[in-house]
């Protein structure tokens, strides 16, 4: 990764809570917050993974166990953070579930599970944290995906859930605008993540994903983390209700190289 544009200590004194922060992109975000001075809590369903993630993050991070689908459990986890660190300045909702399946090949319960983790989970995290935030100036970030705006076969559940997240971000930005900024990050194909492993399990599928990347390289977890730092920093103090695409141009369309000279007059 290239040198970070953010100075050390930029998040000194901030308290950050990262739901789904025990692995992958969300763990990368939590690590970067801690490196830049924030007091960090990560939350996931598995207590052992939460404890291991906190140990990996270091800097006094704590790991908590709660299922984002359970409002009472996620609320209790955030109250624990308030009691341990104080009011929260940054809340990231990143818990997600996904798998490849045609609409006729998945059960109603399978569809509901993804919607509950992604969309209901994001609502629970944001609704549950509201009176535990350090306002004005708190920043909420939802992790969404390109499926929110681009229909993808075998992804009816994820497309519906992520589209809901995008609209939830916009509505909460309107309703909470005077005190809390609410934004989203939409990552593109990111190397070495569980999401890519599930959605591109073979070489052919990986190539199709790669062909859509205008910048012709896989993204890095650290690049998503830097985007999160930006959104919760003072540099983004006038940004709310925005979905930040960090995707190398992969949502622009087929980026397969063409002989552009044929199109010149």
Protein backbone atom coordinates (compact mmCIF):
# COMPACT_ATOMS: atom_id res chain seq x y z
CA UNK A 1 0.00 0.00 0.00
CA UNK A 2 1.17 3.53 -0.76
CA UNK A 3 1.77 5.96 2.09
CA UNK A 4 -1.41 7.05 3.83
CA UNK A 5 -2.53 10.66 3.30
CA UNK A 6 -3.69 10.85 6.92
CA UNK A 7 -1.40 11.97 9.71
CA UNK A 8 -0.91 9.79 12.76
CA UNK A 9 -3.21 10.75 15.60
CA UNK A 10 -5.93 12.21 13.37
CA UNK A 11 -8.50 10.13 15.27
CA UNK A 12 -7.06 10.73 18.76
CA UNK A 13 -9.84 10.80 21.33
CA UNK A 14 -12.42 9.32 18.97
CA UNK A 15 -14.45 6.23 19.90
CA UNK A 16 -15.27 3.82 17.05
CA UNK A 17 -17.60 0.82 16.94
CA UNK A 18 -17.35 -1.56 13.96
CA UNK A 19 -20.14 -4.12 13.55
CA UNK A 20 -18.89 -7.09 11.56
CA UNK A 21 -15.37 -5.97 12.40
CA UNK A 22 -13.91 -9.39 13.15
CA UNK A 23 -12.69 -10.14 9.62
CA UNK A 24 -12.08 -8.87 6.10
CA UNK A 25 -12.78 -5.30 5.07
CA UNK A 26 -14.37 -4.34 8.38
CA UNK A 27 -11.40 -5.63 10.37
CA UNK A 28 -9.14 -3.61 8.07
CA UNK A 29 -11.19 -0.50 8.81
CA UNK A 30 -11.02 -1.15 12.56
CA UNK A 31 -7.24 -1.61 12.39
CA UNK A 32 -6.78 1.67 10.55
CA UNK A 33 -8.96 3.55 13.03
CA UNK A 34 -6.86 2.20 15.90
CA UNK A 35 -3.58 3.00 14.15
CA UNK A 36 -4.73 6.61 13.78
CA UNK A 37 -5.57 6.97 17.47
CA UNK A 38 -9.19 5.88 17.93
CA UNK A 39 -10.45 3.71 20.76
CA UNK A 40 -11.95 0.79 18.85
CA UNK A 41 -14.55 -1.86 19.60
CA UNK A 42 -15.34 -4.62 17.11
CA UNK A 43 -18.45 -6.75 17.23
CA UNK A 44 -19.32 -10.10 15.66
CA UNK A 45 -21.45 -13.15 16.33
CA UNK A 46 -18.57 -15.40 17.36
CA UNK A 47 -17.03 -14.50 20.76
CA UNK A 48 -13.71 -16.19 19.97
CA UNK A 49 -13.36 -14.37 16.64
CA UNK A 50 -14.22 -11.08 18.33
CA UNK A 51 -11.55 -11.62 20.98
CA UNK A 52 -8.97 -12.63 18.35
CA UNK A 53 -9.78 -9.60 16.21
CA UNK A 54 -9.35 -7.25 19.17
CA UNK A 55 -5.98 -8.83 19.96
CA UNK A 56 -4.92 -8.45 16.30
CA UNK A 57 -5.95 -4.79 16.27
CA UNK A 58 -4.15 -4.01 19.53
CA UNK A 59 -4.10 -0.43 20.82
CA UNK A 60 -6.51 -1.41 23.62
CA UNK A 61 -9.28 -2.55 21.26
CA UNK A 62 -12.12 -4.61 22.68
CA UNK A 63 -14.07 -7.43 21.04
CA UNK A 64 -17.77 -7.95 21.69
CA UNK A 65 -20.22 -10.66 20.66
CA UNK A 66 -23.69 -9.81 19.30
CA UNK A 67 -25.85 -10.65 16.30
CA UNK A 68 -26.86 -7.52 14.38
CA UNK A 69 -30.26 -9.12 13.72
CA UNK A 70 -30.96 -8.94 17.47
CA UNK A 71 -31.64 -5.31 18.37
CA UNK A 72 -31.36 -5.91 22.10
CA UNK A 73 -28.01 -7.67 21.76
CA UNK A 74 -26.46 -5.03 19.51
CA UNK A 75 -27.79 -2.27 21.75
CA UNK A 76 -26.22 -3.94 24.79
CA UNK A 77 -22.88 -4.20 23.00
CA UNK A 78 -22.91 -0.50 22.18
CA UNK A 79 -23.88 0.40 25.73
CA UNK A 80 -20.83 -1.60 26.83
CA UNK A 81 -18.67 0.52 24.53
CA UNK A 82 -20.18 3.72 25.96
CA UNK A 83 -19.44 2.53 29.48
CA UNK A 84 -15.90 1.46 28.55
CA UNK A 85 -14.80 4.30 26.27
CA UNK A 86 -17.48 7.00 26.35
CA UNK A 87 -19.89 8.27 23.71
CA UNK A 88 -19.19 7.00 20.20
CA UNK A 89 -17.92 9.25 17.40
CA UNK A 90 -17.81 6.66 14.62
CA UNK A 91 -20.07 3.69 13.95
CA UNK A 92 -19.54 1.33 11.01
CA UNK A 93 -22.21 -1.20 10.06
CA UNK A 94 -20.54 -3.87 7.97
CA UNK A 95 -22.01 -7.25 8.89
CA UNK A 96 -23.11 -9.07 5.73
CA UNK A 97 -24.16 -12.42 4.36
CA UNK A 98 -24.07 -13.60 0.76
CA UNK A 99 -23.98 -16.63 -1.52
CA UNK A 100 -24.66 -17.38 -5.18
CA UNK A 101 -28.15 -18.69 -5.94
CA UNK A 102 -30.88 -18.14 -8.54
CA UNK A 103 -34.15 -16.72 -7.22
CA UNK A 104 -35.89 -20.03 -7.95
CA UNK A 105 -33.09 -21.90 -6.24
CA UNK A 106 -33.25 -20.25 -2.84
CA UNK A 107 -35.82 -20.55 -0.11
CA UNK A 108 -37.74 -17.63 1.33
CA UNK A 109 -35.77 -18.14 4.53
CA UNK A 110 -32.45 -17.92 2.67
CA UNK A 111 -33.54 -14.63 1.07
CA UNK A 112 -34.73 -13.33 4.44
CA UNK A 113 -31.48 -14.25 6.14
CA UNK A 114 -29.39 -12.01 3.89
CA UNK A 115 -31.88 -9.14 4.10
CA UNK A 116 -31.97 -9.48 7.89
CA UNK A 117 -28.19 -9.46 8.29
CA UNK A 118 -27.48 -6.68 5.80
CA UNK A 119 -30.48 -4.34 5.86
CA UNK A 120 -32.18 -5.01 9.21
CA UNK A 121 -28.73 -5.29 10.78
CA UNK A 122 -27.73 -1.85 9.48
CA UNK A 123 -30.97 -0.36 10.80
CA UNK A 124 -30.44 -2.00 14.20
CA UNK A 125 -26.87 -0.72 14.46
CA UNK A 126 -27.73 2.84 13.45
CA UNK A 127 -31.01 3.06 15.36
CA UNK A 128 -29.43 1.51 18.42
CA UNK A 129 -26.45 3.86 18.55
CA UNK A 130 -28.26 7.16 18.06
CA UNK A 131 -28.49 8.30 21.69
CA UNK A 132 -25.02 6.91 22.43
CA UNK A 133 -23.30 9.20 19.92
CA UNK A 134 -21.09 12.19 20.59
CA UNK A 135 -23.09 14.87 18.79
CA UNK A 136 -22.87 17.04 16.83
CA UNK A 137 -20.16 15.60 14.62
CA UNK A 138 -20.68 11.83 14.86
CA UNK A 139 -20.23 9.84 11.67
CA UNK A 140 -22.04 6.64 10.62
CA UNK A 141 -20.82 4.50 7.72
CA UNK A 142 -22.72 1.60 6.14
CA UNK A 143 -20.85 -0.93 4.01
CA UNK A 144 -22.93 -1.54 0.90
CA UNK A 145 -22.05 -2.93 -2.56
CA UNK A 146 -22.44 -2.37 -6.28
CA UNK A 147 -25.36 -4.80 -6.30
CA UNK A 148 -27.41 -1.95 -4.82
CA UNK A 149 -27.53 -0.22 -8.20
CA UNK A 150 -26.55 -2.92 -10.71
CA UNK A 151 -28.77 -5.97 -11.08
CA UNK A 152 -26.69 -9.15 -10.89
CA UNK A 153 -27.92 -12.66 -11.62
CA UNK A 154 -27.77 -15.07 -8.66
CA UNK A 155 -27.85 -12.06 -6.31
CA UNK A 156 -31.54 -11.19 -5.84
CA UNK A 157 -31.14 -11.28 -2.06
CA UNK A 158 -27.98 -9.15 -1.96
CA UNK A 159 -29.24 -6.69 -4.57
CA UNK A 160 -32.43 -6.10 -2.59
CA UNK A 161 -30.61 -5.79 0.75
CA UNK A 162 -27.90 -3.42 -0.52
CA UNK A 163 -30.41 -1.23 -2.36
CA UNK A 164 -32.27 -0.93 0.93
CA UNK A 165 -29.07 0.06 2.72
CA UNK A 166 -28.40 2.83 0.20
CA UNK A 167 -31.86 4.29 0.72
CA UNK A 168 -31.60 3.90 4.49
CA UNK A 169 -28.37 5.93 4.40
CA UNK A 170 -30.12 8.73 2.52
CA UNK A 171 -33.19 8.80 4.75
CA UNK A 172 -31.16 8.85 7.97
CA UNK A 173 -28.93 11.58 6.54
CA UNK A 174 -32.08 13.67 6.03
CA UNK A 175 -33.58 12.92 9.43
CA UNK A 176 -30.39 13.23 11.48
CA UNK A 177 -28.59 15.83 9.38
CA UNK A 178 -28.10 18.48 12.05
CA UNK A 179 -26.21 16.17 14.41
CA UNK A 180 -25.00 13.05 12.61
CA UNK A 181 -23.50 12.44 9.19
CA UNK A 182 -24.59 9.17 7.55
CA UNK A 183 -22.75 7.80 4.51
CA UNK A 184 -21.98 4.51 2.80
CA UNK A 185 -18.98 2.84 1.19
CA UNK A 186 -19.46 0.56 -1.81
CA UNK A 187 -16.31 -1.56 -2.27
CA UNK A 188 -15.46 -3.10 -5.62
CA UNK A 189 -13.61 -6.40 -6.10
CA UNK A 190 -11.19 -6.52 -3.17
CA UNK A 191 -8.40 -9.08 -3.06
CA UNK A 192 -8.11 -11.64 -0.27
CA UNK A 193 -11.62 -11.23 1.10
CA UNK A 194 -14.31 -13.78 1.91
CA UNK A 195 -16.71 -11.88 -0.33
CA UNK A 196 -14.54 -12.39 -3.41
CA UNK A 197 -13.98 -16.02 -2.51
CA UNK A 198 -17.75 -16.60 -2.39
CA UNK A 199 -18.73 -14.55 -5.44
CA UNK A 200 -15.79 -15.58 -7.63
CA UNK A 201 -14.99 -19.16 -6.62
CA UNK A 202 -13.32 -20.13 -9.90
CA UNK A 203 -10.87 -18.65 -12.40
CA UNK A 204 -13.50 -17.91 -15.06
CA UNK A 205 -15.69 -15.93 -12.68
CA UNK A 206 -12.68 -14.07 -11.32
CA UNK A 207 -11.73 -13.07 -14.86
CA UNK A 208 -15.24 -11.72 -15.50
CA UNK A 209 -14.97 -9.59 -12.38
CA UNK A 210 -11.51 -8.42 -13.42
CA UNK A 211 -12.71 -7.46 -16.90
CA UNK A 212 -15.10 -4.94 -15.34
CA UNK A 213 -12.36 -3.10 -13.44
CA UNK A 214 -11.40 0.05 -15.34
CA UNK A 215 -8.18 0.46 -13.33
CA UNK A 216 -7.14 -3.13 -14.13
CA UNK A 217 -6.10 -4.22 -10.67
CA UNK A 218 -7.80 -5.70 -7.64
CA UNK A 219 -8.60 -3.36 -4.79
CA UNK A 220 -6.96 -3.63 -1.38
CA UNK A 221 -8.59 -3.75 2.03
CA UNK A 222 -6.42 -0.82 3.09
CA UNK A 223 -7.96 1.33 0.35
CA UNK A 224 -11.44 0.80 1.77
CA UNK A 225 -10.10 1.62 5.23
CA UNK A 226 -8.64 4.89 3.96
CA UNK A 227 -12.03 5.78 2.48
CA UNK A 228 -13.64 5.15 5.86
CA UNK A 229 -11.09 7.39 7.58
CA UNK A 230 -11.86 10.14 5.07
CA UNK A 231 -15.62 9.91 5.61
CA UNK A 232 -15.34 10.18 9.38
CA UNK A 233 -12.66 12.87 9.30
CA UNK A 234 -13.06 16.64 9.34
CA UNK A 235 -12.17 16.65 5.63
CA UNK A 236 -15.64 15.19 4.94
CA UNK A 237 -17.50 17.46 7.37
CA UNK A 238 -19.95 18.62 4.64
CA UNK A 239 -20.62 15.16 3.21
CA UNK A 240 -23.72 13.21 4.21
CA UNK A 241 -26.16 10.91 2.45
CA UNK A 242 -23.44 9.87 -0.01
CA UNK A 243 -22.41 6.42 -1.22
CA UNK A 244 -18.66 6.45 -1.87
CA UNK A 245 -17.71 3.96 -4.59
CA UNK A 246 -14.22 2.57 -3.98
CA UNK A 247 -14.22 0.11 -6.84
CA UNK A 248 -11.60 0.97 -9.45
CA UNK A 249 -14.39 1.89 -11.85
CA UNK A 250 -15.92 -1.59 -11.81
CA UNK A 251 -19.48 -0.23 -11.82
CA UNK A 252 -18.98 1.70 -15.05
CA UNK A 253 -19.54 -1.28 -17.33
CA UNK A 254 -17.45 -3.78 -19.28
CA UNK A 255 -13.86 -2.51 -19.18
CA UNK A 256 -12.43 -5.22 -21.47
CA UNK A 257 -9.69 -3.55 -23.60
CA UNK A 258 -10.88 -2.54 -27.05
CA UNK A 259 -9.12 -1.40 -30.20
CA UNK A 260 -10.16 2.21 -29.77
CA UNK A 261 -8.45 3.29 -32.99
CA UNK A 262 -11.22 1.63 -34.99
CA UNK A 263 -13.64 4.17 -33.57
CA UNK A 264 -11.61 7.20 -34.61
CA UNK A 265 -12.62 9.21 -37.68
